[in-house]
Amino acid sequence: MSIVYIFEASVSKYSGNRIVLYPPKDYQERLRKFHGKKVKVLVVIEND
């Protein structure tokens, strides 16, 4: 069984060439239980 979360996130530079995706605050608590686990991420960039 899979769990799917859909939300808009901010992309920020972390250090060097690394980036970080920041989910909205209400999703951060839900995702906290998966800390350290590998997850699949689908990123969609819409045209302006």
N, C-alpha and C. Protein backbone atom coordinates (compact mmCIF):
# COMPACT_ATOMS: atom_id res chain seq x y z
N MET A 1 0.84 -1.17 0.00
CA MET A 1 0.00 0.00 0.00
C MET A 1 0.89 1.25 0.00
N SER A 2 0.50 2.24 -0.76
CA SER A 2 1.24 3.49 -0.84
C SER A 2 0.46 4.63 -0.20
N ILE A 3 1.18 5.60 0.31
CA ILE A 3 0.58 6.82 0.82
C ILE A 3 1.00 7.94 -0.12
N VAL A 4 0.06 8.78 -0.54
CA VAL A 4 0.35 9.86 -1.47
C VAL A 4 0.00 11.19 -0.82
N TYR A 5 0.94 12.14 -0.84
CA TYR A 5 0.71 13.50 -0.39
C TYR A 5 0.94 14.42 -1.58
N ILE A 6 0.03 15.33 -1.83
CA ILE A 6 0.17 16.30 -2.92
C ILE A 6 0.12 17.70 -2.31
N PHE A 7 1.14 18.49 -2.58
CA PHE A 7 1.20 19.86 -2.05
C PHE A 7 2.19 20.66 -2.87
N GLU A 8 2.12 21.98 -2.73
CA GLU A 8 3.11 22.86 -3.33
C GLU A 8 4.23 23.06 -2.32
N ALA A 9 5.47 23.06 -2.81
CA ALA A 9 6.61 23.23 -1.93
C ALA A 9 7.52 24.31 -2.47
N SER A 10 8.29 24.92 -1.60
CA SER A 10 9.30 25.89 -2.00
C SER A 10 10.62 25.16 -2.19
N VAL A 11 11.35 25.54 -3.23
CA VAL A 11 12.67 24.96 -3.49
C VAL A 11 13.70 25.99 -3.03
N SER A 12 14.61 25.56 -2.15
CA SER A 12 15.63 26.46 -1.63
C SER A 12 17.00 25.81 -1.75
N LYS A 13 18.02 26.65 -1.83
CA LYS A 13 19.39 26.16 -1.85
C LYS A 13 19.80 25.86 -0.41
N TYR A 14 20.45 24.75 -0.20
CA TYR A 14 20.85 24.35 1.15
C TYR A 14 22.31 24.69 1.38
N SER A 15 23.20 23.94 0.76
CA SER A 15 24.63 24.23 0.84
C SER A 15 25.29 23.65 -0.41
N GLY A 16 26.25 24.37 -0.91
CA GLY A 16 26.90 23.92 -2.14
C GLY A 16 25.90 23.86 -3.26
N ASN A 17 25.78 22.70 -3.88
CA ASN A 17 24.84 22.51 -4.98
C ASN A 17 23.58 21.76 -4.55
N ARG A 18 23.40 21.56 -3.27
CA ARG A 18 22.21 20.82 -2.78
C ARG A 18 21.00 21.73 -2.69
N ILE A 19 19.84 21.13 -2.89
CA ILE A 19 18.60 21.87 -2.73
C ILE A 19 17.71 21.18 -1.71
N VAL A 20 16.76 21.92 -1.19
CA VAL A 20 15.82 21.40 -0.20
C VAL A 20 14.42 21.79 -0.66
N LEU A 21 13.48 20.85 -0.52
CA LEU A 21 12.07 21.14 -0.79
C LEU A 21 11.38 21.36 0.55
N TYR A 22 10.72 22.50 0.69
CA TYR A 22 10.02 22.80 1.93
C TYR A 22 8.51 22.68 1.72
N PRO A 23 7.89 21.65 2.31
CA PRO A 23 6.43 21.51 2.22
C PRO A 23 5.75 22.53 3.15
N PRO A 24 4.47 22.78 2.92
CA PRO A 24 3.72 23.66 3.83
C PRO A 24 3.75 23.12 5.26
N LYS A 25 3.60 24.01 6.23
CA LYS A 25 3.69 23.62 7.65
C LYS A 25 2.73 22.50 8.03
N ASP A 26 1.51 22.49 7.47
CA ASP A 26 0.56 21.46 7.86
C ASP A 26 0.98 20.07 7.36
N TYR A 27 1.83 20.01 6.35
CA TYR A 27 2.33 18.72 5.87
C TYR A 27 3.61 18.31 6.59
N GLN A 28 4.33 19.24 7.17
CA GLN A 28 5.58 18.90 7.82
C GLN A 28 5.38 17.91 8.96
N GLU A 29 4.33 18.07 9.75
CA GLU A 29 4.05 17.12 10.84
C GLU A 29 3.72 15.74 10.29
N ARG A 30 2.93 15.70 9.23
CA ARG A 30 2.56 14.40 8.64
C ARG A 30 3.78 13.67 8.09
N LEU A 31 4.72 14.43 7.51
CA LEU A 31 5.89 13.83 6.89
C LEU A 31 7.01 13.53 7.88
N ARG A 32 6.94 14.11 9.07
CA ARG A 32 8.00 13.93 10.06
C ARG A 32 8.26 12.45 10.39
N LYS A 33 7.22 11.64 10.37
CA LYS A 33 7.38 10.22 10.72
C LYS A 33 8.19 9.44 9.69
N PHE A 34 8.42 10.05 8.52
CA PHE A 34 9.20 9.40 7.47
C PHE A 34 10.64 9.90 7.43
N HIS A 35 11.05 10.69 8.42
CA HIS A 35 12.41 11.23 8.45
C HIS A 35 13.43 10.12 8.33
N GLY A 36 14.37 10.27 7.43
CA GLY A 36 15.43 9.28 7.24
C GLY A 36 15.09 8.19 6.24
N LYS A 37 13.83 8.10 5.82
CA LYS A 37 13.43 7.08 4.85
C LYS A 37 13.55 7.64 3.44
N LYS A 38 13.80 6.76 2.49
CA LYS A 38 13.82 7.16 1.09
C LYS A 38 12.39 7.20 0.58
N VAL A 39 12.05 8.28 -0.12
CA VAL A 39 10.71 8.44 -0.69
C VAL A 39 10.86 8.80 -2.16
N LYS A 40 9.84 8.55 -2.93
CA LYS A 40 9.83 8.93 -4.33
C LYS A 40 9.20 10.33 -4.42
N VAL A 41 9.81 11.18 -5.24
CA VAL A 41 9.34 12.56 -5.38
C VAL A 41 9.10 12.84 -6.86
N LEU A 42 7.93 13.38 -7.16
CA LEU A 42 7.60 13.82 -8.51
C LEU A 42 7.51 15.33 -8.47
N VAL A 43 8.32 16.02 -9.27
CA VAL A 43 8.33 17.47 -9.28
C VAL A 43 7.74 17.94 -10.60
N VAL A 44 6.74 18.81 -10.53
CA VAL A 44 6.09 19.38 -11.71
C VAL A 44 6.35 20.87 -11.70
N ILE A 45 6.97 21.38 -12.77
CA ILE A 45 7.24 22.81 -12.89
C ILE A 45 6.29 23.35 -13.96
N GLU A 46 5.37 24.22 -13.55
CA GLU A 46 4.40 24.79 -14.49
C GLU A 46 4.99 26.02 -15.16
N ASN A 47 4.63 26.23 -16.40
CA ASN A 47 5.03 27.46 -17.11
C ASN A 47 4.30 28.64 -16.51
N ASP A 48 4.98 29.77 -16.44
CA ASP A 48 4.34 30.99 -15.91
C ASP A 48 3.39 31.59 -16.89
